């Protein structure tokens, strides 16, 4: 019994320490983004839809948001959150399972985004901003966690 206890104790002591949980907060703008150009398959891939209505008119999310280019115009890398066309479909493709927010997409796009301003449109005495997620009003704005098939609508309209 003593031998079994000693051997069991030695076994448990020799087990490796669990890896500390990694912080992937800088992932969305890191060199890991070159995966698309090196043929690395993203393990986590989904889409969401983003639409803007500004004073009653649809505004397109441009094609190739999240693409970084070399001086010669060739693609240097693609951020894990990006667009390929102006349909409003946004791709999230990461090599690790990480939380991605709507604020991350706007940071990659390098456009202002908050409950007070979207793109070049700021809240003022005559205009308000509102956002719906799956048709339900949301106040999450930058912190909205993205998920597959979400439909996000942002409205800049008369107050």
C-alpha atoms as a PDB file:
ATOM      1  CA  UNK A   1       0.000   0.000   0.000  1.00  0.00           C
ATOM      2  CA  UNK A   2       2.874   2.365   0.826  1.00  0.00           C
ATOM      3  CA  UNK A   3       4.546   1.538  -2.510  1.00  0.00           C
ATOM      4  CA  UNK A   4       1.348   2.276  -4.426  1.00  0.00           C
ATOM      5  CA  UNK A   5       0.942   5.583  -2.577  1.00  0.00           C
ATOM      6  CA  UNK A   6       4.544   6.609  -3.295  1.00  0.00           C
ATOM      7  CA  UNK A   7       4.287   5.647  -6.983  1.00  0.00           C
ATOM      8  CA  UNK A   8       0.944   7.457  -7.326  1.00  0.00           C
ATOM      9  CA  UNK A   9       2.387  10.565  -5.693  1.00  0.00           C
ATOM     10  CA  UNK A  10       5.434  10.498  -7.995  1.00  0.00           C
ATOM     11  CA  UNK A  11       3.137  10.133 -11.007  1.00  0.00           C
ATOM     12  CA  UNK A  12       1.004  13.157 -10.048  1.00  0.00           C
ATOM     13  CA  UNK A  13       4.067  15.269  -9.240  1.00  0.00           C
ATOM     14  CA  UNK A  14       5.624  14.440 -12.616  1.00  0.00           C
ATOM     15  CA  UNK A  15       2.580  15.589 -14.598  1.00  0.00           C
ATOM     16  CA  UNK A  16       3.226  18.822 -16.505  1.00  0.00           C
ATOM     17  CA  UNK A  17       1.652  22.026 -15.229  1.00  0.00           C
ATOM     18  CA  UNK A  18      -1.432  23.018 -17.206  1.00  0.00           C
ATOM     19  CA  UNK A  19      -0.721  25.706 -19.792  1.00  0.00           C
ATOM     20  CA  UNK A  20      -1.847  29.134 -18.631  1.00  0.00           C
ATOM     21  CA  UNK A  21      -4.803  30.508 -20.582  1.00  0.00           C
ATOM     22  CA  UNK A  22      -3.449  32.636 -23.406  1.00  0.00           C
ATOM     23  CA  UNK A  23      -4.558  36.183 -24.112  1.00  0.00           C
ATOM     24  CA  UNK A  24      -5.477  36.517 -27.783  1.00  0.00           C
ATOM     25  CA  UNK A  25      -6.611  40.155 -27.587  1.00  0.00           C
ATOM     26  CA  UNK A  26      -3.884  41.239 -30.011  1.00  0.00           C
ATOM     27  CA  UNK A  27      -4.643  38.401 -32.438  1.00  0.00           C
ATOM     28  CA  UNK A  28      -6.841  40.443 -34.731  1.00  0.00           C
ATOM     29  CA  UNK A  29      -3.982  42.711 -35.816  1.00  0.00           C
ATOM     30  CA  UNK A  30      -1.063  40.327 -35.503  1.00  0.00           C
ATOM     31  CA  UNK A  31       1.222  38.569 -37.954  1.00  0.00           C
ATOM     32  CA  UNK A  32      -0.928  35.458 -37.544  1.00  0.00           C
ATOM     33  CA  UNK A  33      -3.201  37.185 -40.068  1.00  0.00           C
ATOM     34  CA  UNK A  34      -0.929  36.070 -42.896  1.00  0.00           C
ATOM     35  CA  UNK A  35      -2.522  32.631 -42.672  1.00  0.00           C
ATOM     36  CA  UNK A  36      -4.600  33.304 -45.764  1.00  0.00           C
ATOM     37  CA  UNK A  37      -1.508  33.930 -47.889  1.00  0.00           C
ATOM     38  CA  UNK A  38       0.404  30.930 -46.591  1.00  0.00           C
ATOM     39  CA  UNK A  39      -2.379  28.441 -47.197  1.00  0.00           C
ATOM     40  CA  UNK A  40      -3.027  27.826 -43.499  1.00  0.00           C
ATOM     41  CA  UNK A  41      -6.619  26.743 -42.963  1.00  0.00           C
ATOM     42  CA  UNK A  42      -8.521  28.700 -40.341  1.00  0.00           C
ATOM     43  CA  UNK A  43     -10.023  26.462 -37.693  1.00  0.00           C
ATOM     44  CA  UNK A  44     -12.836  28.880 -36.858  1.00  0.00           C
ATOM     45  CA  UNK A  45     -14.709  30.375 -39.800  1.00  0.00           C
ATOM     46  CA  UNK A  46     -18.115  32.016 -39.820  1.00  0.00           C
ATOM     47  CA  UNK A  47     -19.965  34.959 -41.330  1.00  0.00           C
ATOM     48  CA  UNK A  48     -22.226  37.704 -40.097  1.00  0.00           C
ATOM     49  CA  UNK A  49     -24.177  40.349 -41.980  1.00  0.00           C
ATOM     50  CA  UNK A  50     -23.683  44.081 -41.381  1.00  0.00           C
ATOM     51  CA  UNK A  51     -25.895  46.729 -42.968  1.00  0.00           C
ATOM     52  CA  UNK A  52     -26.006  50.504 -42.586  1.00  0.00           C
ATOM     53  CA  UNK A  53     -28.938  52.771 -43.293  1.00  0.00           C
ATOM     54  CA  UNK A  54     -27.986  56.437 -43.309  1.00  0.00           C
ATOM     55  CA  UNK A  55     -30.901  58.868 -43.579  1.00  0.00           C
ATOM     56  CA  UNK A  56     -32.995  56.150 -45.231  1.00  0.00           C
ATOM     57  CA  UNK A  57     -30.314  55.094 -47.752  1.00  0.00           C
ATOM     58  CA  UNK A  58     -28.338  51.837 -47.620  1.00  0.00           C
ATOM     59  CA  UNK A  59     -24.577  52.371 -47.313  1.00  0.00           C
ATOM     60  CA  UNK A  60     -22.355  49.497 -48.368  1.00  0.00           C
ATOM     61  CA  UNK A  61     -19.575  47.979 -46.342  1.00  0.00           C
ATOM     62  CA  UNK A  62     -16.765  48.108 -48.911  1.00  0.00           C
ATOM     63  CA  UNK A  63     -15.002  45.126 -50.429  1.00  0.00           C
ATOM     64  CA  UNK A  64     -11.605  44.100 -49.067  1.00  0.00           C
ATOM     65  CA  UNK A  65     -11.903  45.611 -45.596  1.00  0.00           C
ATOM     66  CA  UNK A  66      -9.149  43.927 -43.591  1.00  0.00           C
ATOM     67  CA  UNK A  67      -6.764  43.500 -46.530  1.00  0.00           C
ATOM     68  CA  UNK A  68      -3.314  45.040 -46.083  1.00  0.00           C
ATOM     69  CA  UNK A  69      -1.282  45.748 -49.225  1.00  0.00           C
ATOM     70  CA  UNK A  70       2.401  46.076 -50.101  1.00  0.00           C
ATOM     71  CA  UNK A  71       3.672  49.171 -51.911  1.00  0.00           C
ATOM     72  CA  UNK A  72       3.318  47.318 -55.211  1.00  0.00           C
ATOM     73  CA  UNK A  73      -0.389  46.661 -54.562  1.00  0.00           C
ATOM     74  CA  UNK A  74      -0.049  42.970 -53.766  1.00  0.00           C
ATOM     75  CA  UNK A  75      -1.757  41.614 -50.655  1.00  0.00           C
ATOM     76  CA  UNK A  76       0.557  41.573 -47.645  1.00  0.00           C
ATOM     77  CA  UNK A  77      -1.948  39.876 -45.346  1.00  0.00           C
ATOM     78  CA  UNK A  78      -5.628  39.551 -44.554  1.00  0.00           C
ATOM     79  CA  UNK A  79      -6.947  40.267 -41.077  1.00  0.00           C
ATOM     80  CA  UNK A  80      -9.068  37.510 -39.526  1.00  0.00           C
ATOM     81  CA  UNK A  81     -12.136  39.787 -39.788  1.00  0.00           C
ATOM     82  CA  UNK A  82     -12.578  40.950 -43.376  1.00  0.00           C
ATOM     83  CA  UNK A  83     -14.829  41.380 -46.392  1.00  0.00           C
ATOM     84  CA  UNK A  84     -14.407  40.133 -49.935  1.00  0.00           C
ATOM     85  CA  UNK A  85     -17.215  42.128 -51.527  1.00  0.00           C
ATOM     86  CA  UNK A  86     -19.705  44.888 -50.727  1.00  0.00           C
ATOM     87  CA  UNK A  87     -22.638  42.575 -49.944  1.00  0.00           C
ATOM     88  CA  UNK A  88     -22.520  43.232 -46.185  1.00  0.00           C
ATOM     89  CA  UNK A  89     -21.241  39.728 -45.451  1.00  0.00           C
ATOM     90  CA  UNK A  90     -18.271  39.881 -43.089  1.00  0.00           C
ATOM     91  CA  UNK A  91     -15.969  36.888 -42.630  1.00  0.00           C
ATOM     92  CA  UNK A  92     -14.426  35.883 -39.308  1.00  0.00           C
ATOM     93  CA  UNK A  93     -11.610  33.371 -39.837  1.00  0.00           C
ATOM     94  CA  UNK A  94      -9.263  32.655 -36.951  1.00  0.00           C
ATOM     95  CA  UNK A  95      -6.754  29.927 -36.194  1.00  0.00           C
ATOM     96  CA  UNK A  96      -7.747  29.928 -32.517  1.00  0.00           C
ATOM     97  CA  UNK A  97     -11.173  30.094 -30.927  1.00  0.00           C
ATOM     98  CA  UNK A  98     -11.330  33.645 -29.640  1.00  0.00           C
ATOM     99  CA  UNK A  99     -13.996  36.237 -28.929  1.00  0.00           C
ATOM    100  CA  UNK A 100     -14.362  38.754 -31.723  1.00  0.00           C
ATOM    101  CA  UNK A 101     -16.402  41.915 -31.235  1.00  0.00           C
ATOM    102  CA  UNK A 102     -17.998  44.369 -33.607  1.00  0.00           C
ATOM    103  CA  UNK A 103     -15.503  46.918 -32.274  1.00  0.00           C
ATOM    104  CA  UNK A 104     -12.674  44.667 -33.528  1.00  0.00           C
ATOM    105  CA  UNK A 105     -14.095  44.827 -37.052  1.00  0.00           C
ATOM    106  CA  UNK A 106     -14.290  48.629 -36.975  1.00  0.00           C
ATOM    107  CA  UNK A 107     -10.741  48.847 -35.561  1.00  0.00           C
ATOM    108  CA  UNK A 108      -9.473  46.741 -38.464  1.00  0.00           C
ATOM    109  CA  UNK A 109     -11.518  48.895 -40.862  1.00  0.00           C
ATOM    110  CA  UNK A 110     -10.038  51.976 -39.146  1.00  0.00           C
ATOM    111  CA  UNK A 111     -13.453  53.628 -38.893  1.00  0.00           C
ATOM    112  CA  UNK A 112     -15.030  55.304 -35.850  1.00  0.00           C
ATOM    113  CA  UNK A 113     -17.681  53.225 -34.143  1.00  0.00           C
ATOM    114  CA  UNK A 114     -19.596  53.856 -30.940  1.00  0.00           C
ATOM    115  CA  UNK A 115     -23.076  54.756 -29.782  1.00  0.00           C
ATOM    116  CA  UNK A 116     -22.131  58.370 -30.561  1.00  0.00           C
ATOM    117  CA  UNK A 117     -20.581  57.993 -34.035  1.00  0.00           C
ATOM    118  CA  UNK A 118     -20.539  55.527 -36.910  1.00  0.00           C
ATOM    119  CA  UNK A 119     -18.249  56.236 -39.850  1.00  0.00           C
ATOM    120  CA  UNK A 120     -18.601  59.976 -40.571  1.00  0.00           C
ATOM    121  CA  UNK A 121     -22.026  60.236 -38.923  1.00  0.00           C
ATOM    122  CA  UNK A 122     -22.175  61.577 -35.370  1.00  0.00           C
ATOM    123  CA  UNK A 123     -25.153  61.934 -33.063  1.00  0.00           C
ATOM    124  CA  UNK A 124     -26.314  65.542 -32.848  1.00  0.00           C
ATOM    125  CA  UNK A 125     -29.480  67.551 -32.141  1.00  0.00           C
ATOM    126  CA  UNK A 126     -31.119  66.302 -35.342  1.00  0.00           C
ATOM    127  CA  UNK A 127     -29.764  62.744 -35.705  1.00  0.00           C
ATOM    128  CA  UNK A 128     -29.677  59.584 -33.593  1.00  0.00           C
ATOM    129  CA  UNK A 129     -27.986  56.221 -33.921  1.00  0.00           C
ATOM    130  CA  UNK A 130     -29.544  52.875 -33.182  1.00  0.00           C
ATOM    131  CA  UNK A 131     -28.490  49.291 -33.727  1.00  0.00           C
ATOM    132  CA  UNK A 132     -30.482  46.104 -34.039  1.00  0.00           C
ATOM    133  CA  UNK A 133     -29.158  42.552 -33.769  1.00  0.00           C
ATOM    134  CA  UNK A 134     -31.472  39.955 -35.253  1.00  0.00           C
ATOM    135  CA  UNK A 135     -34.138  42.661 -35.365  1.00  0.00           C
ATOM    136  CA  UNK A 136     -33.901  43.461 -31.634  1.00  0.00           C
ATOM    137  CA  UNK A 137     -32.595  46.822 -30.407  1.00  0.00           C
ATOM    138  CA  UNK A 138     -29.102  46.507 -28.908  1.00  0.00           C
ATOM    139  CA  UNK A 139     -26.906  48.805 -26.844  1.00  0.00           C
ATOM    140  CA  UNK A 140     -23.818  46.580 -27.090  1.00  0.00           C
ATOM    141  CA  UNK A 141     -22.138  48.585 -29.881  1.00  0.00           C
ATOM    142  CA  UNK A 142     -18.349  47.981 -29.689  1.00  0.00           C
ATOM    143  CA  UNK A 143     -18.670  45.094 -27.244  1.00  0.00           C
ATOM    144  CA  UNK A 144     -21.155  43.086 -29.311  1.00  0.00           C
ATOM    145  CA  UNK A 145     -19.697  39.580 -29.555  1.00  0.00           C
ATOM    146  CA  UNK A 146     -19.899  38.269 -33.090  1.00  0.00           C
ATOM    147  CA  UNK A 147     -21.354  34.874 -33.847  1.00  0.00           C
ATOM    148  CA  UNK A 148     -22.289  32.895 -36.949  1.00  0.00           C
ATOM    149  CA  UNK A 149     -25.165  34.231 -39.024  1.00  0.00           C
ATOM    150  CA  UNK A 150     -25.838  37.342 -36.931  1.00  0.00           C
ATOM    151  CA  UNK A 151     -27.666  40.088 -38.758  1.00  0.00           C
ATOM    152  CA  UNK A 152     -26.638  43.542 -37.544  1.00  0.00           C
ATOM    153  CA  UNK A 153     -28.358  46.730 -38.739  1.00  0.00           C
ATOM    154  CA  UNK A 154     -27.099  50.202 -37.879  1.00  0.00           C
ATOM    155  CA  UNK A 155     -29.331  53.190 -38.470  1.00  0.00           C
ATOM    156  CA  UNK A 156     -28.384  56.877 -38.548  1.00  0.00           C
ATOM    157  CA  UNK A 157     -31.667  58.748 -38.740  1.00  0.00           C
ATOM    158  CA  UNK A 158     -33.620  61.837 -37.770  1.00  0.00           C
ATOM    159  CA  UNK A 159     -33.937  62.187 -34.021  1.00  0.00           C
END
